[in-house]
C-alpha atoms as a PDB file:
ATOM      1  CA  MET A   1     -97.069 -60.478 -77.424  1.00  0.00           C
ATOM      2  CA  GLY A   2     -95.181 -60.475 -74.240  1.00  0.00           C
ATOM      3  CA  ALA A   3     -92.020 -59.467 -75.892  1.00  0.00           C
ATOM      4  CA  SER A   4     -93.648 -56.439 -77.636  1.00  0.00           C
ATOM      5  CA  ASN A   5     -95.052 -55.226 -74.237  1.00  0.00           C
ATOM      6  CA  VAL A   6     -91.504 -55.355 -72.826  1.00  0.00           C
ATOM      7  CA  GLN A   7     -90.112 -53.526 -75.791  1.00  0.00           C
ATOM      8  CA  THR A   8     -92.811 -50.846 -75.520  1.00  0.00           C
ATOM      9  CA  ALA A   9     -92.060 -50.335 -71.837  1.00  0.00           C
ATOM     10  CA  THR A  10     -88.371 -49.964 -72.523  1.00  0.00           C
ATOM     11  CA  VAL A  11     -89.051 -47.544 -75.266  1.00  0.00           C
ATOM     12  CA  LEU A  12     -91.485 -45.466 -73.008  1.00  0.00           C
ATOM     13  CA  GLU A  13     -89.182 -45.301 -70.053  1.00  0.00           C
ATOM     14  CA  PRO A  14     -86.412 -43.310 -71.810  1.00  0.00           C
ATOM     15  CA  VAL A  15     -89.021 -40.954 -73.367  1.00  0.00           C
ATOM     16  CA  GLN A  16     -90.613 -40.249 -69.994  1.00  0.00           C
ATOM     17  CA  GLU A  17     -87.159 -39.752 -68.353  1.00  0.00           C
ATOM     18  CA  ARG A  18     -86.234 -37.394 -71.124  1.00  0.00           C
ATOM     19  CA  ASP A  19     -89.625 -35.386 -70.985  1.00  0.00           C
ATOM     20  CA  PHE A  20     -89.645 -35.013 -67.192  1.00  0.00           C
ATOM     21  CA  PRO A  21     -87.200 -32.074 -67.038  1.00  0.00           C
ATOM     22  CA  TYR A  22     -89.094 -30.334 -69.805  1.00  0.00           C
ATOM     23  CA  PHE A  23     -92.370 -30.610 -67.830  1.00  0.00           C
ATOM     24  CA  ARG A  24     -90.573 -29.462 -64.700  1.00  0.00           C
ATOM     25  CA  ARG A  25     -89.330 -26.345 -66.545  1.00  0.00           C
ATOM     26  CA  LEU A  26     -92.761 -25.717 -67.979  1.00  0.00           C
ATOM     27  CA  TRP A  27     -94.329 -26.142 -64.556  1.00  0.00           C
ATOM     28  CA  LYS A  28     -91.902 -23.694 -62.998  1.00  0.00           C
ATOM     29  CA  SER A  29     -92.560 -21.164 -65.872  1.00  0.00           C
ATOM     30  CA  ILE A  30     -96.365 -21.458 -65.299  1.00  0.00           C
ATOM     31  CA  VAL A  31     -95.974 -20.861 -61.577  1.00  0.00           C
ATOM     32  CA  VAL A  32     -93.755 -17.803 -62.204  1.00  0.00           C
ATOM     33  CA  VAL A  33     -96.183 -16.341 -64.652  1.00  0.00           C
ATOM     34  CA  LEU A  34     -99.094 -16.924 -62.285  1.00  0.00           C
ATOM     35  CA  LEU A  35     -97.248 -15.327 -59.427  1.00  0.00           C
ATOM     36  CA  ALA A  36     -96.055 -12.407 -61.546  1.00  0.00           C
ATOM     37  CA  ALA A  37     -99.638 -11.995 -62.872  1.00  0.00           C
ATOM     38  CA  SER A  38    -100.943 -11.646 -59.277  1.00  0.00           C
ATOM     39  CA  PHE A  39     -98.132  -9.666 -57.630  1.00  0.00           C
ATOM     40  CA  ILE A  40     -97.172  -7.199 -60.377  1.00  0.00           C
ATOM     41  CA  PRO A  41    -100.692  -5.487 -60.419  1.00  0.00           C
ATOM     42  CA  MET A  42    -100.686  -5.464 -56.651  1.00  0.00           C
ATOM     43  CA  LEU A  43     -97.290  -3.812 -56.600  1.00  0.00           C
ATOM     44  CA  LEU A  44     -98.311  -1.357 -59.199  1.00  0.00           C
ATOM     45  CA  ILE A  45    -101.498  -0.423 -57.449  1.00  0.00           C
ATOM     46  CA  GLY A  46     -99.736  -0.361 -54.032  1.00  0.00           C
ATOM     47  CA  GLY A  47     -96.934   1.850 -55.390  1.00  0.00           C
ATOM     48  CA  GLY A  48     -99.394   4.182 -57.098  1.00  0.00           C
ATOM     49  CA  MET A  49    -101.431   4.595 -53.997  1.00  0.00           C
ATOM     50  CA  TYR A  50     -98.299   5.201 -51.893  1.00  0.00           C
ATOM     51  CA  TYR A  51     -97.067   7.993 -54.221  1.00  0.00           C
ATOM     52  CA  TYR A  52    -100.579   9.471 -54.489  1.00  0.00           C
ATOM     53  CA  THR A  53    -100.935   9.544 -50.755  1.00  0.00           C
ATOM     54  CA  ILE A  54     -97.399  11.055 -50.304  1.00  0.00           C
ATOM     55  CA  SER A  55     -98.290  13.758 -52.834  1.00  0.00           C
ATOM     56  CA  ILE A  56    -101.670  14.557 -51.125  1.00  0.00           C
ATOM     57  CA  VAL A  57    -100.036  14.728 -47.680  1.00  0.00           C
ATOM     58  CA  ARG A  58     -97.243  17.005 -49.053  1.00  0.00           C
ATOM     59  CA  GLU A  59     -99.755  19.264 -50.840  1.00  0.00           C
ATOM     60  CA  ARG A  60    -101.973  19.606 -47.717  1.00  0.00           C
ATOM     61  CA  THR A  61     -98.859  20.271 -45.475  1.00  0.00           C
ATOM     62  CA  LEU A  62     -97.574  22.984 -47.863  1.00  0.00           C
ATOM     63  CA  GLU A  63    -101.033  24.522 -48.123  1.00  0.00           C
ATOM     64  CA  GLY A  64    -101.328  24.706 -44.379  1.00  0.00           C
ATOM     65  CA  LEU A  65     -97.870  26.300 -44.146  1.00  0.00           C
ATOM     66  CA  ARG A  66     -98.734  28.770 -46.942  1.00  0.00           C
ATOM     67  CA  HIS A  67    -101.926  29.732 -45.052  1.00  0.00           C
ATOM     68  CA  GLU A  68    -100.028  30.205 -41.790  1.00  0.00           C
ATOM     69  CA  VAL A  69     -97.326  32.290 -43.485  1.00  0.00           C
ATOM     70  CA  ARG A  70    -100.045  34.379 -45.194  1.00  0.00           C
ATOM     71  CA  GLU A  71    -101.794  34.998 -41.869  1.00  0.00           C
ATOM     72  CA  HIS A  72     -98.462  35.938 -40.123  1.00  0.00           C
ATOM     73  CA  ARG A  73     -97.584  38.344 -42.963  1.00  0.00           C
ATOM     74  CA  GLU A  74    -100.963  40.050 -42.742  1.00  0.00           C
ATOM     75  CA  ALA A  75    -100.721  40.319 -38.938  1.00  0.00           C
ATOM     76  CA  ILE A  76     -97.272  41.853 -39.168  1.00  0.00           C
ATOM     77  CA  ASP A  77     -98.293  44.244 -41.892  1.00  0.00           C
ATOM     78  CA  GLU A  78    -101.317  45.357 -39.893  1.00  0.00           C
ATOM     79  CA  PHE A  79     -99.071  45.766 -36.772  1.00  0.00           C
ATOM     80  CA  LEU A  80     -96.615  47.944 -38.750  1.00  0.00           C
ATOM     81  CA  ILE A  81     -99.328  50.055 -40.273  1.00  0.00           C
ATOM     82  CA  GLU A  82    -100.794  50.719 -36.786  1.00  0.00           C
ATOM     83  CA  ARG A  83     -97.339  51.652 -35.434  1.00  0.00           C
ATOM     84  CA  ILE A  84     -96.707  54.013 -38.339  1.00  0.00           C
ATOM     85  CA  MET A  85    -100.103  55.681 -37.677  1.00  0.00           C
ATOM     86  CA  ASP A  86     -99.027  56.047 -33.952  1.00  0.00           C
ATOM     87  CA  LEU A  87     -95.786  57.782 -34.928  1.00  0.00           C
ATOM     88  CA  ARG A  88     -97.472  59.933 -37.552  1.00  0.00           C
ATOM     89  CA  LEU A  89    -100.214  61.006 -35.054  1.00  0.00           C
ATOM     90  CA  LEU A  90     -97.489  61.745 -32.401  1.00  0.00           C
ATOM     91  CA  SER A  91     -95.250  63.751 -34.672  1.00  0.00           C
ATOM     92  CA  SER A  92     -98.037  65.739 -36.390  1.00  0.00           C
ATOM     93  CA  ASN A  93     -99.866  66.566 -33.102  1.00  0.00           C
ATOM     94  CA  LEU A  94     -96.779  67.474 -31.004  1.00  0.00           C
ATOM     95  CA  GLY A  95     -94.463  68.660 -33.809  1.00  0.00           C
ATOM     96  CA  LEU A  96     -91.055  69.922 -32.697  1.00  0.00           C
ATOM     97  CA  GLN A  97     -92.305  70.120 -29.095  1.00  0.00           C
ATOM     98  CA  LEU A  98     -90.862  66.498 -29.074  1.00  0.00           C
ATOM     99  CA  ARG A  99     -87.451  68.032 -29.029  1.00  0.00           C
ATOM    100  CA  ASP A 100     -88.037  68.629 -25.323  1.00  0.00           C
ATOM    101  CA  PRO A 101     -86.870  65.521 -23.376  1.00  0.00           C
ATOM    102  CA  GLY A 102     -89.776  65.747 -21.001  1.00  0.00           C
ATOM    103  CA  THR A 103     -92.352  65.819 -23.874  1.00  0.00           C
ATOM    104  CA  LEU A 104     -90.639  63.114 -25.691  1.00  0.00           C
ATOM    105  CA  GLY A 105     -90.432  60.906 -22.496  1.00  0.00           C
ATOM    106  CA  LYS A 106     -94.226  61.396 -21.876  1.00  0.00           C
ATOM    107  CA  ALA A 107     -95.061  60.488 -25.518  1.00  0.00           C
ATOM    108  CA  PHE A 108     -92.786  57.379 -25.228  1.00  0.00           C
ATOM    109  CA  HIS A 109     -94.457  56.170 -22.020  1.00  0.00           C
ATOM    110  CA  SER A 110     -97.839  56.734 -23.573  1.00  0.00           C
ATOM    111  CA  LEU A 111     -96.854  54.611 -26.579  1.00  0.00           C
ATOM    112  CA  GLN A 112     -95.446  51.955 -24.152  1.00  0.00           C
ATOM    113  CA  ALA A 113     -98.668  51.852 -22.237  1.00  0.00           C
ATOM    114  CA  GLN A 114    -100.619  51.260 -25.486  1.00  0.00           C
ATOM    115  CA  ILE A 115     -98.339  48.497 -26.744  1.00  0.00           C
ATOM    116  CA  PRO A 116     -95.005  47.606 -25.275  1.00  0.00           C
ATOM    117  CA  CYS A 117     -93.079  47.009 -28.473  1.00  0.00           C
ATOM    118  CA  PHE A 118     -91.011  50.186 -28.735  1.00  0.00           C
ATOM    119  CA  THR A 119     -87.518  50.040 -27.176  1.00  0.00           C
ATOM    120  CA  ASP A 120     -86.811  53.731 -27.612  1.00  0.00           C
ATOM    121  CA  LEU A 121     -87.886  56.922 -29.378  1.00  0.00           C
ATOM    122  CA  GLY A 122     -85.869  59.640 -30.945  1.00  0.00           C
ATOM    123  CA  ILE A 123     -86.189  62.754 -32.893  1.00  0.00           C
ATOM    124  CA  VAL A 124     -83.519  63.064 -35.608  1.00  0.00           C
ATOM    125  CA  ASP A 125     -82.861  66.227 -37.735  1.00  0.00           C
ATOM    126  CA  SER A 126     -82.112  66.394 -41.483  1.00  0.00           C
ATOM    127  CA  ASP A 127     -78.387  66.062 -40.847  1.00  0.00           C
ATOM    128  CA  GLY A 128     -78.913  62.651 -39.014  1.00  0.00           C
ATOM    129  CA  ALA A 129     -78.239  64.058 -35.511  1.00  0.00           C
ATOM    130  CA  HIS A 130     -80.491  63.433 -32.472  1.00  0.00           C
ATOM    131  CA  LEU A 131     -82.515  66.413 -31.366  1.00  0.00           C
ATOM    132  CA  ALA A 132     -83.968  64.328 -28.524  1.00  0.00           C
ATOM    133  CA  TYR A 133     -83.826  60.704 -27.390  1.00  0.00           C
ATOM    134  CA  VAL A 134     -85.458  58.529 -24.754  1.00  0.00           C
ATOM    135  CA  GLY A 135     -84.535  54.983 -24.175  1.00  0.00           C
ATOM    136  CA  PRO A 136     -82.069  52.612 -22.445  1.00  0.00           C
ATOM    137  CA  PHE A 137     -79.121  53.319 -24.799  1.00  0.00           C
ATOM    138  CA  ASP A 138     -76.695  56.245 -24.928  1.00  0.00           C
ATOM    139  CA  LEU A 139     -77.479  57.299 -28.471  1.00  0.00           C
ATOM    140  CA  MET A 140     -77.769  61.059 -28.186  1.00  0.00           C
ATOM    141  CA  THR A 141     -74.288  61.586 -29.657  1.00  0.00           C
ATOM    142  CA  ARG A 142     -74.773  59.152 -32.493  1.00  0.00           C
ATOM    143  CA  ASN A 143     -75.262  60.444 -36.031  1.00  0.00           C
ATOM    144  CA  TYR A 144     -77.317  58.552 -38.528  1.00  0.00           C
ATOM    145  CA  ARG A 145     -76.531  60.340 -41.792  1.00  0.00           C
ATOM    146  CA  ASP A 146     -74.721  57.152 -43.204  1.00  0.00           C
ATOM    147  CA  ALA A 147     -77.281  54.646 -41.933  1.00  0.00           C
ATOM    148  CA  ASN A 148     -79.373  52.889 -44.540  1.00  0.00           C
ATOM    149  CA  TRP A 149     -82.660  53.796 -43.029  1.00  0.00           C
ATOM    150  CA  PHE A 150     -81.826  57.490 -42.822  1.00  0.00           C
ATOM    151  CA  ARG A 151     -80.744  57.591 -46.544  1.00  0.00           C
ATOM    152  CA  ALA A 152     -84.059  55.902 -47.402  1.00  0.00           C
ATOM    153  CA  MET A 153     -85.869  58.624 -45.491  1.00  0.00           C
ATOM    154  CA  ARG A 154     -84.522  61.276 -47.859  1.00  0.00           C
ATOM    155  CA  GLU A 155     -86.676  59.793 -50.559  1.00  0.00           C
ATOM    156  CA  SER A 156     -89.661  58.707 -48.544  1.00  0.00           C
ATOM    157  CA  ASP A 157     -92.027  59.882 -45.763  1.00  0.00           C
ATOM    158  CA  VAL A 158     -92.086  56.527 -44.021  1.00  0.00           C
ATOM    159  CA  HIS A 159     -89.534  53.773 -43.641  1.00  0.00           C
ATOM    160  CA  VAL A 160     -89.543  50.286 -42.001  1.00  0.00           C
ATOM    161  CA  SER A 161     -86.020  48.857 -41.937  1.00  0.00           C
ATOM    162  CA  ASP A 162     -84.902  45.319 -42.064  1.00  0.00           C
ATOM    163  CA  VAL A 163     -83.694  43.745 -38.848  1.00  0.00           C
ATOM    164  CA  PHE A 164     -80.139  44.750 -38.128  1.00  0.00           C
ATOM    165  CA  THR A 165     -77.839  45.278 -35.087  1.00  0.00           C
ATOM    166  CA  GLY A 166     -76.674  48.854 -35.590  1.00  0.00           C
ATOM    167  CA  PHE A 167     -75.018  50.867 -32.819  1.00  0.00           C
ATOM    168  CA  ARG A 168     -76.640  48.867 -30.035  1.00  0.00           C
ATOM    169  CA  LYS A 169     -75.347  45.427 -31.310  1.00  0.00           C
ATOM    170  CA  GLU A 170     -78.780  43.896 -30.729  1.00  0.00           C
ATOM    171  CA  PRO A 171     -81.224  42.753 -33.405  1.00  0.00           C
ATOM    172  CA  HIS A 172     -83.962  45.446 -33.892  1.00  0.00           C
ATOM    173  CA  PHE A 173     -85.643  47.363 -36.659  1.00  0.00           C
ATOM    174  CA  ILE A 174     -86.563  51.013 -37.182  1.00  0.00           C
ATOM    175  CA  ILE A 175     -89.964  52.587 -37.898  1.00  0.00           C
ATOM    176  CA  ALA A 176     -89.396  56.211 -38.964  1.00  0.00           C
ATOM    177  CA  VAL A 177     -91.838  58.921 -40.170  1.00  0.00           C
ATOM    178  CA  LYS A 178     -90.743  62.194 -41.678  1.00  0.00           C
ATOM    179  CA  GLN A 179     -92.183  65.656 -41.122  1.00  0.00           C
ATOM    180  CA  VAL A 180     -91.247  68.217 -43.714  1.00  0.00           C
ATOM    181  CA  THR A 181     -90.879  71.943 -42.716  1.00  0.00           C
ATOM    182  CA  ARG A 182     -89.653  75.080 -44.567  1.00  0.00           C
ATOM    183  CA  GLU A 183     -86.183  74.601 -43.071  1.00  0.00           C
ATOM    184  CA  GLY A 184     -85.908  70.984 -44.153  1.00  0.00           C
ATOM    185  CA  PHE A 185     -87.224  67.836 -42.433  1.00  0.00           C
ATOM    186  CA  TRP A 186     -87.095  65.974 -39.130  1.00  0.00           C
ATOM    187  CA  ILE A 187     -87.773  62.367 -38.336  1.00  0.00           C
ATOM    188  CA  THR A 188     -89.616  60.589 -35.491  1.00  0.00           C
ATOM    189  CA  ARG A 189     -87.705  57.324 -35.193  1.00  0.00           C
ATOM    190  CA  ALA A 190     -88.790  54.412 -33.035  1.00  0.00           C
ATOM    191  CA  THR A 191     -87.014  51.113 -32.495  1.00  0.00           C
ATOM    192  CA  VAL A 192     -88.786  47.829 -32.193  1.00  0.00           C
ATOM    193  CA  ASP A 193     -87.055  44.890 -30.547  1.00  0.00           C
ATOM    194  CA  ALA A 194     -86.964  42.021 -32.981  1.00  0.00           C
ATOM    195  CA  THR A 195     -87.643  39.549 -30.152  1.00  0.00           C
ATOM    196  CA  TYR A 196     -91.051  41.147 -29.616  1.00  0.00           C
ATOM    197  CA  PHE A 197     -92.329  39.103 -32.561  1.00  0.00           C
ATOM    198  CA  GLU A 198     -91.479  35.816 -30.840  1.00  0.00           C
END
C-alpha cells in the first residue's frame, strides 16, 4: 500500500506541473475579461459624455455668436436707415440751395451736431462733378462718373457703398441719395468713416 501511494504521488506531480501554466493563462484571461467588462463601459460612457458636452458647448457658443451678429446687423441697418432719412430730408427741404458752400456747411455742421459720423458732405451733379463740398479733403475737383457708387446711383434713388479707400486713401463708405429734376438728377453724398463703427 505504501508503494501505491508513492506511485500515485509521482503520477500527480507531473500532472499538476503540466496543468499549472494552463490555470495561470486561464486566471489571466479571467482578470483581463473582468477588467475589460468594467473599463470598456466606463470609457464608452465617459467618451459619449465628453462628445455630448463638447457639442452642447459648441452649439451654445455658436448660438450666442449668431445672436450677437444678428443684433449688430439690426443696429447697423437701423443706423443706415436713419442716416438715409437725414440726407433725404436735407436734400428735399433745401434742394439745390445746397450748392451754396455756406448753406452746405451749415447743413453739415447740423448733421455733425446730431451724430458725429459724417466725415464730409457733397453735392454731385449728373455728370459726377462736385457742385459743392464741405469736409477735410480737397475733393472739389474730383469727378465720380467712373466710381462704382455713382454708377449705382444711375439706377437707384439711394445707395450705401461697401467700405473702400477711394480718392482719400482711407477706409470709408458712401451714403448717397438722389433728387431727380427736369434737367436730370443731383446727388447728396455723405461719407462715413469706417472707424466710427469700432
